[in-house]
Amino acid sequence: MEDILFLNYRGSKLSRVMIFYIIKDLAGKAEIKKTVSPHTFRHSFATHLVEGGA
């Protein structure tokens, strides 16, 4: 059995493409002008961890 953290509105797992669309939509709503992707978030998260001493 597979553990799924994020589900879509039908209860199925979110696809990589859907996550990208959600991030792009939220960046637009936040009026972020830079290109934003899931990789951007992974990189930012890792950078903050390293800067915090992880």
N, C-alpha and C. Protein backbone atom coordinates (compact mmCIF):
# COMPACT_ATOMS: atom_id res chain seq x y z
N MET A 1 0.85 -1.19 0.00
CA MET A 1 0.00 0.00 0.00
C MET A 1 0.88 1.24 0.00
N GLU A 2 0.42 2.24 -0.68
CA GLU A 2 1.15 3.48 -0.86
C GLU A 2 0.60 4.56 0.07
N ASP A 3 1.49 5.26 0.78
CA ASP A 3 1.06 6.38 1.61
C ASP A 3 1.03 7.63 0.75
N ILE A 4 -0.10 8.31 0.76
CA ILE A 4 -0.26 9.52 -0.07
C ILE A 4 -0.51 10.69 0.87
N LEU A 5 0.30 11.74 0.69
CA LEU A 5 0.19 12.91 1.54
C LEU A 5 -0.82 13.93 1.01
N PHE A 6 -0.82 14.16 -0.29
CA PHE A 6 -1.71 15.16 -0.88
C PHE A 6 -2.71 14.50 -1.82
N LEU A 7 -3.98 14.82 -1.62
CA LEU A 7 -5.05 14.25 -2.41
C LEU A 7 -5.75 15.32 -3.23
N ASN A 8 -6.31 14.93 -4.36
CA ASN A 8 -7.11 15.86 -5.15
C ASN A 8 -8.54 15.85 -4.62
N TYR A 9 -9.41 16.59 -5.27
CA TYR A 9 -10.79 16.71 -4.79
C TYR A 9 -11.56 15.40 -4.89
N ARG A 10 -11.05 14.43 -5.68
CA ARG A 10 -11.71 13.13 -5.80
C ARG A 10 -11.14 12.09 -4.84
N GLY A 11 -10.11 12.49 -4.07
CA GLY A 11 -9.51 11.56 -3.13
C GLY A 11 -8.36 10.75 -3.69
N SER A 12 -7.96 11.04 -4.92
CA SER A 12 -6.82 10.36 -5.54
C SER A 12 -5.57 11.19 -5.30
N LYS A 13 -4.42 10.57 -5.53
CA LYS A 13 -3.17 11.31 -5.32
C LYS A 13 -3.01 12.40 -6.37
N LEU A 14 -2.37 13.50 -5.96
CA LEU A 14 -2.09 14.59 -6.89
C LEU A 14 -0.97 14.18 -7.83
N SER A 15 -1.10 14.54 -9.09
CA SER A 15 -0.05 14.27 -10.05
C SER A 15 1.00 15.37 -9.98
N ARG A 16 2.17 15.11 -10.54
CA ARG A 16 3.24 16.13 -10.60
C ARG A 16 2.74 17.36 -11.35
N VAL A 17 2.01 17.14 -12.42
CA VAL A 17 1.51 18.25 -13.24
C VAL A 17 0.52 19.10 -12.45
N MET A 18 -0.35 18.46 -11.71
CA MET A 18 -1.35 19.20 -10.92
C MET A 18 -0.67 20.04 -9.84
N ILE A 19 0.35 19.50 -9.21
CA ILE A 19 1.09 20.27 -8.20
C ILE A 19 1.71 21.50 -8.85
N PHE A 20 2.28 21.32 -10.04
CA PHE A 20 2.87 22.46 -10.76
C PHE A 20 1.80 23.52 -11.03
N TYR A 21 0.62 23.11 -11.50
CA TYR A 21 -0.45 24.06 -11.79
C TYR A 21 -0.93 24.79 -10.53
N ILE A 22 -1.02 24.09 -9.42
CA ILE A 22 -1.44 24.71 -8.17
C ILE A 22 -0.43 25.76 -7.74
N ILE A 23 0.86 25.43 -7.80
CA ILE A 23 1.91 26.37 -7.40
C ILE A 23 1.90 27.59 -8.32
N LYS A 24 1.77 27.35 -9.63
CA LYS A 24 1.75 28.46 -10.59
C LYS A 24 0.54 29.37 -10.34
N ASP A 25 -0.62 28.78 -10.06
CA ASP A 25 -1.83 29.55 -9.79
C ASP A 25 -1.68 30.40 -8.53
N LEU A 26 -1.15 29.80 -7.46
CA LEU A 26 -0.98 30.54 -6.20
C LEU A 26 0.07 31.64 -6.34
N ALA A 27 1.11 31.40 -7.11
CA ALA A 27 2.12 32.44 -7.35
C ALA A 27 1.50 33.61 -8.10
N GLY A 28 0.63 33.31 -9.04
CA GLY A 28 -0.07 34.37 -9.77
C GLY A 28 -0.99 35.17 -8.86
N LYS A 29 -1.72 34.49 -7.99
CA LYS A 29 -2.61 35.17 -7.05
C LYS A 29 -1.83 36.04 -6.06
N ALA A 30 -0.59 35.61 -5.75
CA ALA A 30 0.27 36.38 -4.84
C ALA A 30 1.04 37.46 -5.59
N GLU A 31 0.78 37.56 -6.90
CA GLU A 31 1.42 38.55 -7.77
C GLU A 31 2.94 38.41 -7.79
N ILE A 32 3.41 37.17 -7.72
CA ILE A 32 4.84 36.88 -7.84
C ILE A 32 5.17 36.88 -9.32
N LYS A 33 6.11 37.72 -9.72
CA LYS A 33 6.43 37.89 -11.13
C LYS A 33 7.48 36.89 -11.62
N LYS A 34 8.27 36.31 -10.72
CA LYS A 34 9.30 35.36 -11.11
C LYS A 34 8.66 34.02 -11.48
N THR A 35 9.41 33.23 -12.26
CA THR A 35 8.97 31.87 -12.57
C THR A 35 9.05 31.03 -11.31
N VAL A 36 7.97 30.36 -10.97
CA VAL A 36 7.92 29.54 -9.76
C VAL A 36 7.56 28.12 -10.17
N SER A 37 8.26 27.16 -9.58
CA SER A 37 8.00 25.75 -9.87
C SER A 37 8.17 24.95 -8.59
N PRO A 38 7.79 23.68 -8.60
CA PRO A 38 8.03 22.85 -7.41
C PRO A 38 9.52 22.80 -7.05
N HIS A 39 10.38 22.82 -8.06
CA HIS A 39 11.83 22.82 -7.80
C HIS A 39 12.24 24.08 -7.03
N THR A 40 11.62 25.21 -7.35
CA THR A 40 11.91 26.47 -6.64
C THR A 40 11.64 26.29 -5.15
N PHE A 41 10.53 25.65 -4.81
CA PHE A 41 10.19 25.43 -3.41
C PHE A 41 11.15 24.46 -2.73
N ARG A 42 11.51 23.38 -3.44
CA ARG A 42 12.46 22.42 -2.86
C ARG A 42 13.79 23.09 -2.59
N HIS A 43 14.25 23.89 -3.56
CA HIS A 43 15.54 24.57 -3.40
C HIS A 43 15.48 25.58 -2.25
N SER A 44 14.42 26.36 -2.18
CA SER A 44 14.27 27.35 -1.11
C SER A 44 14.23 26.68 0.26
N PHE A 45 13.48 25.59 0.35
CA PHE A 45 13.37 24.86 1.61
C PHE A 45 14.74 24.34 2.05
N ALA A 46 15.46 23.73 1.11
CA ALA A 46 16.79 23.19 1.43
C ALA A 46 17.74 24.31 1.85
N THR A 47 17.68 25.44 1.17
CA THR A 47 18.54 26.58 1.51
C THR A 47 18.26 27.06 2.93
N HIS A 48 16.99 27.18 3.28
CA HIS A 48 16.64 27.63 4.63
C HIS A 48 17.10 26.62 5.69
N LEU A 49 17.01 25.33 5.38
CA LEU A 49 17.48 24.33 6.31
C LEU A 49 18.98 24.46 6.56
N VAL A 50 19.74 24.61 5.46
CA VAL A 50 21.20 24.74 5.58
C VAL A 50 21.57 26.02 6.33
N GLU A 51 20.90 27.11 5.98
CA GLU A 51 21.18 28.38 6.67
C GLU A 51 20.81 28.32 8.14
N GLY A 52 19.86 27.45 8.49
CA GLY A 52 19.44 27.29 9.87
C GLY A 52 20.27 26.28 10.65
N GLY A 53 21.29 25.71 9.99
CA GLY A 53 22.18 24.81 10.69
C GLY A 53 21.88 23.33 10.50
N ALA A 54 20.97 23.00 9.63
CA ALA A 54 20.64 21.58 9.41
C ALA A 54 21.75 20.86 8.67
